[in-house]
């Protein structure tokens, strides 16, 4: 495996799994709060006739919409600005 940088390329499937792993570790580290546990349950993958799919299709649809927004904005001159922090 090549070394990871902020410019490493990943597929949307890999990005989804990375997000899930991050949330799972956060959930465990913070005492397993119910709201995050519920979200992880909705986002967990299950076997279907079409392959692995998230348990809650609406959560997946929201995630996919976010992926589309971020990727489209990253192609613009300013890039995605939703994660920018402004300190007062």
Protein backbone atom coordinates (compact mmCIF):
# COMPACT_ATOMS: atom_id res chain seq x y z
CA UNK A 1 0.00 0.00 0.00
CA UNK A 2 1.32 3.42 -0.91
CA UNK A 3 1.52 6.09 1.77
CA UNK A 4 -1.63 8.08 2.39
CA UNK A 5 -1.87 11.83 1.86
CA UNK A 6 -4.79 14.24 1.78
CA UNK A 7 -4.71 13.80 -2.00
CA UNK A 8 -4.94 9.97 -1.93
CA UNK A 9 -7.64 8.70 -4.28
CA UNK A 10 -10.43 6.51 -2.91
CA UNK A 11 -13.64 5.16 -4.38
CA UNK A 12 -17.00 6.27 -2.99
CA UNK A 13 -17.35 2.80 -1.46
CA UNK A 14 -14.01 3.20 0.29
CA UNK A 15 -14.98 6.70 1.44
CA UNK A 16 -18.20 5.28 2.92
CA UNK A 17 -16.30 2.55 4.75
CA UNK A 18 -13.73 5.07 6.02
CA UNK A 19 -16.54 7.27 7.36
CA UNK A 20 -18.19 4.25 9.02
CA UNK A 21 -14.93 3.15 10.65
CA UNK A 22 -14.27 6.67 11.92
CA UNK A 23 -17.76 6.97 13.43
CA UNK A 24 -17.49 3.51 14.97
CA UNK A 25 -14.20 4.36 16.68
CA UNK A 26 -15.64 7.68 17.88
CA UNK A 27 -18.73 5.88 19.23
CA UNK A 28 -16.59 3.42 21.16
CA UNK A 29 -14.21 6.11 22.46
CA UNK A 30 -17.05 8.32 23.73
CA UNK A 31 -18.93 5.69 25.72
CA UNK A 32 -21.21 4.40 22.96
CA UNK A 33 -23.83 7.19 22.91
CA UNK A 34 -27.23 6.00 21.69
CA UNK A 35 -27.65 8.53 18.88
CA UNK A 36 -24.36 7.60 17.22
CA UNK A 37 -25.05 3.89 17.78
CA UNK A 38 -28.40 4.31 16.03
CA UNK A 39 -26.73 6.07 13.10
CA UNK A 40 -24.12 3.30 12.84
CA UNK A 41 -26.93 0.73 12.81
CA UNK A 42 -28.64 2.60 9.97
CA UNK A 43 -25.39 2.86 8.03
CA UNK A 44 -24.19 -0.72 8.60
CA UNK A 45 -24.06 -2.90 5.51
CA UNK A 46 -26.21 -5.98 5.07
CA UNK A 47 -26.31 -8.62 2.37
CA UNK A 48 -29.08 -8.19 -0.21
CA UNK A 49 -29.79 -9.70 -3.60
CA UNK A 50 -28.07 -6.65 -5.14
CA UNK A 51 -25.00 -6.99 -2.90
CA UNK A 52 -24.11 -5.20 0.31
CA UNK A 53 -26.43 -2.27 1.05
CA UNK A 54 -26.85 0.06 4.04
CA UNK A 55 -29.62 -0.96 6.43
CA UNK A 56 -31.41 2.39 5.97
CA UNK A 57 -31.65 3.49 2.35
CA UNK A 58 -32.61 7.07 3.31
CA UNK A 59 -29.40 7.54 5.33
CA UNK A 60 -27.41 6.21 2.40
CA UNK A 61 -29.23 8.54 0.01
CA UNK A 62 -28.35 11.49 2.26
CA UNK A 63 -24.70 10.37 2.39
CA UNK A 64 -24.60 9.97 -1.40
CA UNK A 65 -26.08 13.47 -1.85
CA UNK A 66 -23.35 14.84 0.42
CA UNK A 67 -20.70 12.99 -1.58
CA UNK A 68 -22.05 14.52 -4.78
CA UNK A 69 -22.08 18.04 -3.30
CA UNK A 70 -18.53 17.78 -1.95
CA UNK A 71 -17.13 16.28 -5.16
CA UNK A 72 -18.82 18.91 -7.33
CA UNK A 73 -17.63 21.77 -5.11
CA UNK A 74 -14.11 20.35 -5.01
CA UNK A 75 -14.04 20.82 -8.80
CA UNK A 76 -14.76 24.55 -8.38
CA UNK A 77 -12.21 27.30 -7.82
CA UNK A 78 -13.00 27.56 -4.10
CA UNK A 79 -13.50 23.87 -3.33
CA UNK A 80 -15.74 22.51 -0.60
CA UNK A 81 -15.93 25.04 2.23
CA UNK A 82 -18.26 23.22 4.66
CA UNK A 83 -15.39 21.94 6.81
CA UNK A 84 -13.60 25.29 7.05
CA UNK A 85 -13.33 26.50 10.62
CA UNK A 86 -13.50 30.14 11.48
CA UNK A 87 -12.03 31.10 14.82
CA UNK A 88 -13.25 34.28 16.50
